[in-house]
Amino acid sequence: MARANAEWTTNPLAYELEVLTLVNNEGVGYDIRNLMLECNIYESITSNFLMGEIAIADAIGLLENAKIFGQETLRIRFAMPTGKRPAGPDDDLIDQVFRIYKVSGIHRIGQNTTVYKLSFCAPELIHAKRIRISEAHRDSLSKIATKLAKNHLGIIPIGAGESFPKRRPFFENVIGSPGEQYHVVIPNWTVNYAINWLCQQAQGEGYFTGFQDSFFFFQTARGGYRVQSLSDMHTIQYLDRGIFHYAPAAAAGTVDSQKGEGSKGKQPAWNEEETGIGAGRRILDYTIGKAANVLEGTMEGLFAQKQITINNTSKYQTESNFNYLERFFSQSGQGHYPLVRQMPEELSYGDAANDPNSTEVPTMPYTNTKIQGKPISDYPEAHTTLTSDSNFVNDEKDIYYQANHNTHLGSEQLRTAVRQLLNYYTMNALISCRTDISCGEWVRLKIPPTRGQDDKRPDDGKFHTGDYLITEIKWGLTTQECRTNIKVMKDSYFNQIETASSDYAPLMKLQKGK
């Protein structure tokens, strides 16, 4: 079927649904595009497989006639509007085959229509849940993961420059722990559990300390499967297609072709020729899911950790501390400034705090001097772990490792901190229909600051503007629109927190108590 006529210029959510076919166990296919109410597809770096659900308004008796019992196949193929395709064959297409695994919410509306929901997932998930493996392997962890996926799930590894049909499961990118030989015994685990365990143990090669030890096994809607570290994700710079802009509706209506400013009666503000932005780079709406959670970050070991390791053979005990601020510049690939203040915390309390009519900032120092004057990352005891190190050498001088073999290197601390970092500063953004992005990629979001009428600060938006890692994507399809929702995180600010608002007049007045 040829792509329908859809344009971003009139609707930034426009897209082209080419195929939506349900195939039953007897091999009979049904085009259900006209029956679809809504279809959601989910992709995440923390989920091994694609999943989704589709709501059906059935007025033709599909449920009974096609004999849908949760064992069917669903093919979905959709793309951005014609003429917006990036370079490369089918790079803007999402073309996937799923397995229906659940039928739910069956509800009769009127005499002739039944509404229900079909839940679907990648076929490999169904197979992964059906089998358990008990095997021993000796190889690098990435190669072991590749063998398991190939032998038990049919996920084929491809080399550099090779291509593979999108509807066949394949490894799009396999990055791992090269060189080291590991002796791994898998004791009756599911395949995906075993691969996830290997990812937890893997130590990769990369510049960004900590990120290199944080591996994820996940499927992308645009391609195949990946075993990828956060360090490797950091090395993949965002492209021009990965720059998105937000503007309030009032400011996005028109634009002056000479000045680029909002003006009545001029060209649409998202006209690509006029602004260089284009409707396909719009942030239509956004929500800051979490901008900070100091208490959670403290308890979960984001800012500081103490790790006590005991060697069961020698009975020797070692301690290692993790300090977020000390590690920041070696960990953060996008650089800039940390997500917390670098200066010591000054806890204060005074009479002014008890006066509801006072605008003065309390200045009386807190009486407990033991917890005053230290940065947020100087409290390793807040998150303490106890581990064992049972490495030993046999007669052949082969080193055998237990599951926690690398804890003495502090990699477990870094991995814990980095995983917490993924949820410390998050944003959910609704963008134009985009089928050319995937989880594990960096994008740049440009968010102007909230401004008052008398605010003369530059429109730099350095607080929310920044480089973000896509951790989750939801494509919400209707017959007319595709709502692309991305969940992103960032590991740094463009501005140093201590100096971000030092020249802002309204805050200066508050500080002076005026």
Protein backbone atom coordinates (compact mmCIF):
# COMPACT_ATOMS: atom_id res chain seq x y z
CA MET A 1 0.00 0.00 0.00
CA ALA A 2 1.33 3.44 -0.88
CA ARG A 3 1.81 5.91 1.88
CA ALA A 4 -1.10 8.19 2.51
CA ASN A 5 -0.75 11.93 2.21
CA ALA A 6 0.26 13.31 5.58
CA GLU A 7 2.11 16.50 6.36
CA TRP A 8 3.68 17.92 9.50
CA THR A 9 2.99 21.46 8.35
CA THR A 10 -0.71 21.07 9.10
CA ASN A 11 -0.43 18.55 11.92
CA PRO A 12 2.86 17.77 13.71
CA LEU A 13 1.33 14.45 14.84
CA ALA A 14 0.66 13.29 11.28
CA TYR A 15 2.01 9.90 10.28
CA GLU A 16 1.41 7.12 7.77
CA LEU A 17 0.07 3.76 8.86
CA GLU A 18 0.98 1.37 6.09
CA VAL A 19 0.27 -2.05 7.61
CA LEU A 20 -1.80 -3.23 10.55
CA THR A 21 -2.50 -6.90 9.92
CA LEU A 22 -3.72 -9.60 12.27
CA VAL A 23 -2.89 -13.18 11.25
CA ASN A 24 -4.55 -16.08 13.04
CA ASN A 25 -3.14 -19.55 13.59
CA GLU A 26 -4.64 -20.74 10.34
CA GLY A 27 -2.60 -18.19 8.37
CA VAL A 28 -5.56 -15.97 7.48
CA GLY A 29 -4.72 -12.26 7.55
CA TYR A 30 -7.08 -9.39 8.44
CA ASP A 31 -6.47 -5.71 7.77
CA ILE A 32 -7.63 -4.09 11.02
CA ARG A 33 -6.63 -0.47 10.40
CA ASN A 34 -10.25 0.64 10.29
CA LEU A 35 -11.03 -1.23 13.51
CA MET A 36 -8.26 0.37 15.57
CA LEU A 37 -9.19 2.87 18.25
CA GLU A 38 -5.73 3.25 19.71
CA CYS A 39 -2.45 1.35 19.62
CA ASN A 40 0.47 1.86 22.01
CA ILE A 41 3.99 0.50 21.48
CA TYR A 42 6.56 0.67 24.29
CA GLU A 43 10.35 0.63 24.06
CA SER A 44 12.73 0.95 27.03
CA ILE A 45 16.39 0.33 27.85
CA THR A 46 15.23 -1.44 31.03
CA SER A 47 12.84 -3.77 29.16
CA ASN A 48 14.31 -6.61 27.13
CA PHE A 49 11.44 -6.78 24.65
CA LEU A 50 8.98 -4.49 22.88
CA MET A 51 5.45 -4.59 24.25
CA GLY A 52 2.15 -2.88 23.53
CA GLU A 53 -1.61 -3.05 23.33
CA ILE A 54 -4.26 -2.21 20.74
CA ALA A 55 -7.88 -1.24 21.39
CA ILE A 56 -10.34 -2.59 18.84
CA ALA A 57 -13.86 -1.45 17.99
CA ASP A 58 -15.18 -4.60 16.32
CA ALA A 59 -18.34 -4.29 14.26
CA ILE A 60 -17.60 -7.22 11.91
CA GLY A 61 -17.30 -10.07 14.38
CA LEU A 62 -13.51 -10.32 14.08
CA LEU A 63 -13.10 -11.80 17.54
CA GLU A 64 -15.32 -14.79 16.75
CA ASN A 65 -14.67 -15.18 13.03
CA ALA A 66 -10.86 -14.96 13.24
CA LYS A 67 -10.89 -17.14 16.37
CA ILE A 68 -8.66 -14.86 18.45
CA PHE A 69 -7.43 -16.67 21.55
CA GLY A 70 -4.15 -14.89 22.31
CA GLN A 71 -1.94 -16.91 19.95
CA GLU A 72 -2.06 -14.70 16.88
CA THR A 73 0.49 -12.58 15.01
CA LEU A 74 0.27 -8.81 14.55
CA ARG A 75 2.32 -6.86 12.02
CA ILE A 76 2.62 -3.08 12.36
CA ARG A 77 4.35 -0.85 9.84
CA PHE A 78 4.24 2.96 10.09
CA ALA A 79 6.44 5.94 9.37
CA MET A 80 6.82 9.69 9.43
CA PRO A 81 5.15 11.67 6.63
CA THR A 82 6.43 11.31 3.07
CA GLY A 83 9.28 13.65 2.25
CA LYS A 84 10.66 13.71 5.79
CA ARG A 85 12.79 10.62 5.43
CA PRO A 86 16.38 10.78 6.66
CA ALA A 87 19.29 9.42 4.69
CA GLY A 88 19.47 5.66 4.55
CA PRO A 89 17.01 2.99 3.46
CA ASP A 90 13.93 2.72 5.64
CA ASP A 91 15.59 4.45 8.57
CA ASP A 92 12.32 6.17 9.36
CA LEU A 93 10.23 2.99 9.29
CA ILE A 94 8.98 0.97 12.23
CA ASP A 95 8.13 -2.46 10.88
CA GLN A 96 7.66 -5.13 13.52
CA VAL A 97 5.94 -8.48 13.95
CA PHE A 98 4.42 -9.15 17.38
CA ARG A 99 2.65 -12.00 19.15
CA ILE A 100 -0.77 -11.49 20.68
CA TYR A 101 -0.66 -12.90 24.20
CA LYS A 102 -3.80 -11.56 25.91
CA VAL A 103 -7.38 -10.60 25.07
CA SER A 104 -9.07 -8.46 27.71
CA GLY A 105 -11.68 -5.81 28.41
CA ILE A 106 -14.33 -7.30 26.12
CA HIS A 107 -17.34 -4.97 26.27
CA ARG A 108 -20.43 -4.86 24.10
CA ILE A 109 -21.48 -1.39 22.94
CA GLY A 110 -24.92 -1.35 21.41
CA GLN A 111 -26.11 -4.19 19.25
CA ASN A 112 -23.37 -4.41 16.64
CA THR A 113 -20.06 -3.29 18.22
CA THR A 114 -17.72 -4.99 20.67
CA VAL A 115 -14.75 -3.18 22.16
CA TYR A 116 -11.73 -5.11 23.48
CA LYS A 117 -7.99 -4.88 23.94
CA LEU A 118 -5.28 -7.09 22.47
CA SER A 119 -1.96 -7.11 24.31
CA PHE A 120 1.12 -8.01 22.28
CA CYS A 121 4.87 -8.45 22.67
CA ALA A 122 7.95 -9.50 20.74
CA PRO A 123 7.77 -13.21 19.81
CA GLU A 124 11.12 -13.75 21.55
CA LEU A 125 9.54 -12.88 24.90
CA ILE A 126 7.03 -15.72 24.62
CA HIS A 127 9.81 -18.16 23.81
CA ALA A 128 12.07 -16.81 26.56
CA LYS A 129 9.39 -17.52 29.16
CA ARG A 130 8.87 -21.09 27.96
CA ILE A 131 12.38 -22.47 28.30
CA ARG A 132 15.05 -22.64 30.98
CA ILE A 133 18.69 -23.39 30.39
CA SER A 134 21.41 -25.07 32.42
CA GLU A 135 24.72 -24.53 30.64
CA ALA A 136 28.38 -23.74 31.26
CA HIS A 137 30.32 -21.28 29.11
CA ARG A 138 33.85 -19.90 29.03
CA ASP A 139 34.23 -16.73 26.97
CA SER A 140 33.84 -12.99 27.25
CA LEU A 141 30.51 -12.00 28.75
CA SER A 142 29.31 -10.29 25.58
CA LYS A 143 30.06 -13.37 23.49
CA ILE A 144 28.27 -15.60 25.99
CA ALA A 145 25.23 -13.31 25.82
CA THR A 146 25.35 -13.44 22.02
CA LYS A 147 25.51 -17.26 22.04
CA LEU A 148 22.53 -17.54 24.39
CA ALA A 149 20.41 -15.18 22.29
CA LYS A 150 21.34 -16.93 19.05
CA ASN A 151 20.98 -20.52 20.25
CA HIS A 152 17.78 -20.12 22.26
CA LEU A 153 15.95 -17.07 20.89
CA GLY A 154 17.06 -17.02 17.26
CA ILE A 155 18.57 -13.53 17.54
CA ILE A 156 21.28 -13.46 14.89
CA PRO A 157 24.45 -11.36 15.43
CA ILE A 158 25.49 -9.25 12.45
CA GLY A 159 28.87 -7.79 11.72
CA ALA A 160 29.87 -4.25 10.79
CA GLY A 161 28.39 -3.19 7.46
CA GLU A 162 26.01 -6.14 7.30
CA SER A 163 22.28 -5.71 6.91
CA PHE A 164 19.43 -7.92 7.98
CA PRO A 165 15.68 -7.92 7.33
CA LYS A 166 13.95 -5.91 10.02
CA ARG A 167 11.34 -8.53 10.72
CA ARG A 168 14.01 -11.07 11.65
CA PRO A 169 15.41 -10.78 15.17
CA PHE A 170 19.03 -9.65 15.09
CA PHE A 171 21.64 -7.88 17.17
CA GLU A 172 21.95 -4.32 15.96
CA ASN A 173 24.85 -3.56 18.23
CA VAL A 174 26.79 -5.86 20.51
CA ILE A 175 29.26 -4.14 22.81
CA GLY A 176 30.75 -5.95 25.74
CA SER A 177 33.70 -7.07 27.76
CA PRO A 178 36.29 -8.05 25.18
CA GLY A 179 39.36 -10.11 25.96
CA GLU A 180 38.55 -11.52 29.37
CA GLN A 181 37.65 -15.18 29.76
CA TYR A 182 34.87 -15.89 32.21
CA HIS A 183 33.73 -19.27 33.43
CA VAL A 184 29.95 -18.93 33.77
CA VAL A 185 27.50 -21.60 34.93
CA ILE A 186 23.82 -20.88 34.24
CA PRO A 187 21.67 -22.79 36.77
CA ASN A 188 18.22 -23.33 35.22
CA TRP A 189 17.56 -19.69 34.35
CA THR A 190 15.39 -18.21 31.61
CA VAL A 191 17.39 -16.89 28.67
CA ASN A 192 16.63 -13.21 29.22
CA TYR A 193 17.40 -13.52 32.96
CA ALA A 194 20.77 -15.05 32.11
CA ILE A 195 21.57 -12.27 29.62
CA ASN A 196 20.54 -9.61 32.13
CA TRP A 197 22.80 -11.23 34.75
CA LEU A 198 25.70 -11.16 32.29
CA CYS A 199 25.02 -7.46 31.67
CA GLN A 200 25.19 -6.81 35.41
CA GLN A 201 28.61 -8.45 35.63
CA ALA A 202 30.11 -7.01 32.45
CA GLN A 203 32.96 -4.53 32.54
CA GLY A 204 33.34 -2.78 29.24
CA GLU A 205 35.93 -0.57 27.67
CA GLY A 206 35.07 3.07 27.65
CA TYR A 207 36.13 6.51 28.67
CA PHE A 208 33.33 7.26 31.09
CA THR A 209 34.09 5.46 34.33
CA GLY A 210 31.00 3.81 35.80
CA PHE A 211 29.00 4.20 32.61
CA GLN A 212 31.19 1.56 31.01
CA ASP A 213 30.00 -1.00 33.57
CA SER A 214 26.29 -0.29 33.13
CA PHE A 215 25.05 -2.63 30.40
CA PHE A 216 21.51 -3.04 29.11
CA PHE A 217 19.88 -5.69 26.92
CA PHE A 218 16.92 -4.25 25.02
CA GLN A 219 15.01 -4.27 21.75
CA THR A 220 14.46 -1.19 19.55
CA ALA A 221 11.41 -0.65 17.37
CA ARG A 222 13.56 0.63 14.48
CA GLY A 223 15.93 -2.30 14.41
CA GLY A 224 16.89 -5.32 16.38
CA TYR A 225 18.33 -6.05 19.79
CA ARG A 226 21.24 -4.37 21.56
CA VAL A 227 23.62 -5.22 24.34
CA GLN A 228 24.94 -1.78 25.06
CA SER A 229 26.63 0.12 27.88
CA LEU A 230 25.81 3.66 28.91
CA SER A 231 29.37 4.57 28.02
CA ASP A 232 28.77 3.42 24.46
CA MET A 233 25.51 5.37 24.38
CA HIS A 234 27.47 8.46 25.41
CA THR A 235 29.82 8.13 22.45
CA ILE A 236 26.89 8.29 20.01
CA GLN A 237 26.41 12.01 19.59
CA TYR A 238 22.99 13.38 18.81
CA LEU A 239 22.44 14.30 15.17
CA ASP A 240 20.55 17.26 13.72
CA ARG A 241 17.43 15.14 13.78
CA GLY A 242 17.90 14.84 17.54
CA ILE A 243 17.44 18.55 18.35
CA PHE A 244 13.99 19.54 19.61
CA HIS A 245 12.57 22.94 20.57
CA TYR A 246 9.72 23.95 22.85
CA ALA A 247 7.72 27.16 22.50
CA PRO A 248 4.41 28.09 24.10
CA ALA A 249 1.45 28.13 21.76
CA ALA A 250 1.23 31.93 21.91
CA ALA A 251 4.85 32.28 20.82
CA ALA A 252 4.71 29.62 18.15
CA GLY A 253 1.93 31.04 16.06
CA THR A 254 3.76 33.36 13.70
CA VAL A 255 7.25 34.51 12.91
CA ASP A 256 8.82 37.53 11.29
CA SER A 257 10.91 36.34 8.34
CA GLN A 258 13.62 38.94 9.04
CA LYS A 259 13.83 39.03 12.81
CA GLY A 260 12.66 35.55 13.68
CA GLU A 261 10.37 37.01 16.35
CA GLY A 262 6.68 36.44 16.89
CA SER A 263 4.62 38.91 14.90
CA LYS A 264 1.05 39.03 13.76
CA GLY A 265 0.20 38.14 10.20
CA LYS A 266 3.52 36.55 9.25
CA GLN A 267 4.60 33.02 8.45
CA PRO A 268 3.89 30.05 10.77
CA ALA A 269 6.51 29.87 13.48
CA TRP A 270 7.35 26.26 12.73
CA ASN A 271 7.89 26.85 9.03
CA GLU A 272 11.17 25.07 8.34
CA GLU A 273 12.37 27.60 5.79
CA GLU A 274 11.77 30.52 8.13
CA THR A 275 13.01 29.18 11.46
CA GLY A 276 15.24 26.28 10.63
CA ILE A 277 13.39 24.33 13.29
CA GLY A 278 10.63 22.57 11.43
CA ALA A 279 7.43 21.03 12.73
CA GLY A 280 9.17 17.69 13.08
CA ARG A 281 11.39 19.11 15.84
CA ARG A 282 8.64 20.47 18.03
CA ILE A 283 8.22 19.69 21.69
CA LEU A 284 4.45 19.92 21.93
CA ASP A 285 4.27 19.41 25.68
CA TYR A 286 6.57 18.36 28.47
CA THR A 287 6.52 17.44 32.13
CA ILE A 288 9.51 17.35 34.44
CA GLY A 289 8.92 13.98 36.04
CA LYS A 290 11.60 14.51 38.63
CA ALA A 291 14.09 17.35 38.95
CA ALA A 292 15.62 16.25 42.25
CA ASN A 293 15.14 13.84 45.12
CA VAL A 294 17.94 14.32 47.60
CA LEU A 295 16.52 11.92 50.18
CA GLU A 296 16.12 9.08 47.68
CA GLY A 297 19.53 9.78 46.16
CA THR A 298 21.09 9.62 49.62
CA MET A 299 19.42 6.37 50.63
CA GLU A 300 20.00 4.61 47.30
CA GLY A 301 23.69 5.51 47.02
CA LEU A 302 23.68 8.06 44.22
CA PHE A 303 25.71 10.68 46.08
CA ALA A 304 27.88 8.55 48.35
CA GLN A 305 28.49 4.91 49.24
CA LYS A 306 30.67 2.80 51.48
CA GLN A 307 31.49 -0.72 50.39
CA ILE A 308 33.08 -3.23 52.75
CA THR A 309 34.61 -6.26 51.04
CA ILE A 310 35.77 -9.35 52.92
CA ASN A 311 37.94 -11.99 51.27
CA ASN A 312 36.68 -15.35 52.48
CA THR A 313 40.05 -16.98 51.95
CA SER A 314 42.43 -14.50 53.53
CA LYS A 315 39.86 -12.89 55.84
CA TYR A 316 41.25 -9.56 54.70
CA GLN A 317 38.83 -6.64 54.80
CA THR A 318 38.91 -3.62 52.53
CA GLU A 319 36.76 -0.52 52.33
CA SER A 320 36.05 1.71 49.37
CA ASN A 321 34.04 4.91 49.24
CA PHE A 322 32.15 6.38 46.33
CA ASN A 323 31.86 10.17 46.04
CA TYR A 324 29.54 11.53 43.37
CA LEU A 325 31.15 14.96 43.05
CA GLU A 326 34.66 13.51 42.85
CA ARG A 327 33.57 11.09 40.13
CA PHE A 328 31.36 13.49 38.21
CA PHE A 329 33.74 14.82 35.64
CA SER A 330 35.08 11.37 34.81
CA GLN A 331 31.59 9.88 34.67
CA SER A 332 29.66 12.55 32.79
CA GLY A 333 30.03 12.28 29.08
CA GLN A 334 28.05 15.41 28.39
CA GLY A 335 30.18 17.31 30.90
CA HIS A 336 28.98 20.65 32.09
CA TYR A 337 27.96 20.84 35.76
CA PRO A 338 26.70 18.32 38.33
CA LEU A 339 23.05 17.99 39.35
CA VAL A 340 23.74 19.08 42.92
CA ARG A 341 25.64 21.94 44.53
CA GLN A 342 29.38 21.49 44.84
CA MET A 343 29.69 23.84 47.82
CA PRO A 344 29.26 22.67 51.42
CA GLU A 345 25.72 22.60 52.69
CA GLU A 346 24.99 25.34 55.21
CA LEU A 347 22.14 24.18 57.41
CA SER A 348 20.58 27.17 59.13
CA TYR A 349 17.64 28.02 61.35
CA GLY A 350 16.53 31.25 62.90
CA ASP A 351 13.62 33.21 64.34
CA ALA A 352 12.76 34.54 60.91
CA ALA A 353 11.74 31.04 59.84
CA ASN A 354 9.00 31.05 62.50
CA ASP A 355 7.59 34.38 61.39
CA PRO A 356 5.08 33.89 58.54
CA ASN A 357 5.28 37.60 57.67
CA SER A 358 9.07 37.71 57.43
CA THR A 359 10.88 37.55 54.07
CA GLU A 360 14.31 37.35 55.64
CA VAL A 361 16.48 34.34 55.01
CA PRO A 362 17.43 32.58 58.29
CA THR A 363 21.10 33.02 59.06
CA MET A 364 21.57 31.43 62.49
CA PRO A 365 23.74 28.34 62.03
CA TYR A 366 22.43 24.96 62.96
CA THR A 367 23.78 23.87 66.33
CA ASN A 368 24.92 20.39 65.27
CA THR A 369 28.29 21.20 63.73
CA LYS A 370 28.93 17.54 62.84
CA ILE A 371 26.57 17.68 59.90
CA GLN A 372 27.30 21.24 58.83
CA GLY A 373 29.67 22.40 56.18
CA LYS A 374 30.06 19.19 54.14
CA PRO A 375 29.03 18.65 50.50
CA ILE A 376 26.17 16.30 49.77
CA SER A 377 28.50 13.54 48.58
CA ASP A 378 30.58 13.39 51.77
CA TYR A 379 28.35 10.96 53.67
CA PRO A 380 29.35 7.45 52.50
CA GLU A 381 27.83 5.77 55.56
CA ALA A 382 24.37 6.70 54.31
CA HIS A 383 24.51 3.73 51.91
CA THR A 384 26.71 0.90 53.17
CA THR A 385 27.01 -2.53 51.55
CA LEU A 386 28.84 -5.66 52.67
CA THR A 387 30.21 -8.02 50.00
CA SER A 388 32.55 -10.99 49.79
CA ASP A 389 35.43 -11.60 47.43
CA SER A 390 36.14 -15.29 46.95
CA ASN A 391 38.54 -15.22 44.03
CA PHE A 392 41.07 -18.01 43.99
CA VAL A 393 43.67 -19.42 41.59
CA ASN A 394 43.86 -23.11 40.71
CA ASP A 395 46.86 -25.19 39.64
CA GLU A 396 46.52 -24.07 36.03
CA LYS A 397 46.47 -20.46 37.19
CA ASP A 398 43.04 -19.82 35.73
CA ILE A 399 41.13 -17.25 37.70
CA TYR A 400 37.58 -18.17 38.64
CA TYR A 401 35.10 -15.50 39.56
CA GLN A 402 31.94 -15.52 41.60
CA ALA A 403 28.99 -13.31 40.76
CA ASN A 404 30.44 -10.45 42.75
CA HIS A 405 34.01 -10.87 41.51
CA ASN A 406 34.46 -7.25 40.53
CA THR A 407 33.20 -5.64 43.71
CA HIS A 408 36.71 -5.01 45.00
CA LEU A 409 37.26 -2.72 42.03
CA GLY A 410 34.39 -0.48 43.06
CA SER A 411 32.52 -1.15 39.84
CA GLU A 412 29.44 -2.30 41.72
CA GLN A 413 29.32 1.05 43.49
CA LEU A 414 29.60 2.93 40.23
CA ARG A 415 26.96 0.76 38.62
CA THR A 416 24.54 1.40 41.50
CA ALA A 417 25.13 5.14 41.36
CA VAL A 418 24.71 5.33 37.60
CA ARG A 419 21.46 3.37 37.69
CA GLN A 420 20.12 5.79 40.28
CA LEU A 421 21.27 8.67 38.11
CA LEU A 422 18.91 7.46 35.38
CA ASN A 423 15.95 8.41 37.57
CA TYR A 424 17.26 11.52 39.30
CA TYR A 425 16.38 14.10 36.64
CA THR A 426 13.75 12.91 34.18
CA MET A 427 11.49 14.57 31.66
CA ASN A 428 8.51 13.30 29.69
CA ALA A 429 8.10 15.08 26.37
CA LEU A 430 5.49 14.84 23.64
CA ILE A 431 7.11 15.44 20.27
CA SER A 432 6.06 15.30 16.66
CA CYS A 433 5.64 11.85 15.17
CA ARG A 434 9.18 10.52 14.95
CA THR A 435 10.02 7.00 13.88
CA ASP A 436 13.73 7.67 13.37
CA ILE A 437 14.77 7.69 17.05
CA SER A 438 15.48 4.89 19.51
CA CYS A 439 16.20 4.39 23.18
CA GLY A 440 19.88 4.62 24.01
CA GLU A 441 20.31 7.74 21.84
CA TRP A 442 21.06 11.27 23.01
CA VAL A 443 18.91 14.22 22.03
CA ARG A 444 19.17 17.93 22.78
CA LEU A 445 16.04 19.57 24.15
CA LYS A 446 15.86 23.35 24.09
CA ILE A 447 13.48 24.64 26.76
CA PRO A 448 13.23 28.41 27.33
CA PRO A 449 13.11 29.53 30.99
CA THR A 450 9.97 30.63 32.77
CA ARG A 451 10.07 34.41 32.57
CA GLY A 452 8.26 37.26 34.23
CA GLN A 453 7.31 40.48 32.42
CA ASP A 454 10.32 42.37 33.77
CA ASP A 455 12.76 39.51 33.37
CA LYS A 456 15.58 40.70 31.10
CA ARG A 457 17.75 37.60 31.36
CA PRO A 458 18.92 36.04 28.11
CA ASP A 459 16.59 33.43 26.71
CA ASP A 460 19.17 30.68 27.15
CA GLY A 461 17.13 28.12 29.07
CA LYS A 462 20.25 26.54 30.56
CA PHE A 463 18.40 24.94 33.43
CA HIS A 464 16.07 22.60 31.52
CA THR A 465 17.83 22.87 28.17
CA GLY A 466 20.41 20.18 27.80
CA ASP A 467 21.49 16.85 26.41
CA TYR A 468 19.24 13.99 27.40
CA LEU A 469 19.40 10.22 27.04
CA ILE A 470 16.23 8.57 25.74
CA THR A 471 15.33 5.79 28.20
CA GLU A 472 11.73 5.09 27.14
CA ILE A 473 9.58 5.72 24.06
CA LYS A 474 5.84 5.30 23.67
CA TRP A 475 4.23 5.57 20.24
CA GLY A 476 0.50 6.20 20.65
CA LEU A 477 -1.29 5.56 17.36
CA THR A 478 -4.79 6.46 16.26
CA THR A 479 -6.15 6.38 12.74
CA GLN A 480 -5.08 10.01 12.23
CA GLU A 481 -2.20 10.75 14.61
CA CYS A 482 0.92 9.33 16.20
CA ARG A 483 1.84 10.78 19.58
CA THR A 484 5.52 10.11 20.26
CA ASN A 485 6.21 10.36 23.99
CA ILE A 486 9.81 10.11 25.12
CA LYS A 487 11.13 9.75 28.64
CA VAL A 488 14.60 11.19 28.95
CA MET A 489 17.22 11.77 31.64
CA LYS A 490 20.25 13.97 31.91
CA ASP A 491 23.36 13.75 34.01
CA SER A 492 24.34 17.40 34.09
CA TYR A 493 23.29 21.03 33.76
CA PHE A 494 24.50 23.63 31.29
CA ASN A 495 24.80 26.08 34.21
CA GLN A 496 26.57 25.81 37.54
CA ILE A 497 23.90 25.76 40.25
CA GLU A 498 25.76 28.13 42.56
CA THR A 499 25.73 30.95 40.02
CA ALA A 500 22.56 30.24 38.07
CA SER A 501 20.40 33.00 39.60
CA SER A 502 22.92 35.35 41.21
CA ASP A 503 21.93 38.26 38.94
CA TYR A 504 18.17 37.82 39.03
CA ALA A 505 16.68 40.99 40.55
CA PRO A 506 13.50 39.54 42.17
CA LEU A 507 15.56 36.92 44.01
CA MET A 508 18.11 39.53 45.07
CA LYS A 509 15.32 41.52 46.70
CA LEU A 510 14.14 38.45 48.60
CA GLN A 511 17.63 37.71 49.85
CA LYS A 512 17.94 41.26 51.19
CA GLY A 513 14.55 41.06 52.86
CA LYS A 514 13.07 43.94 50.91
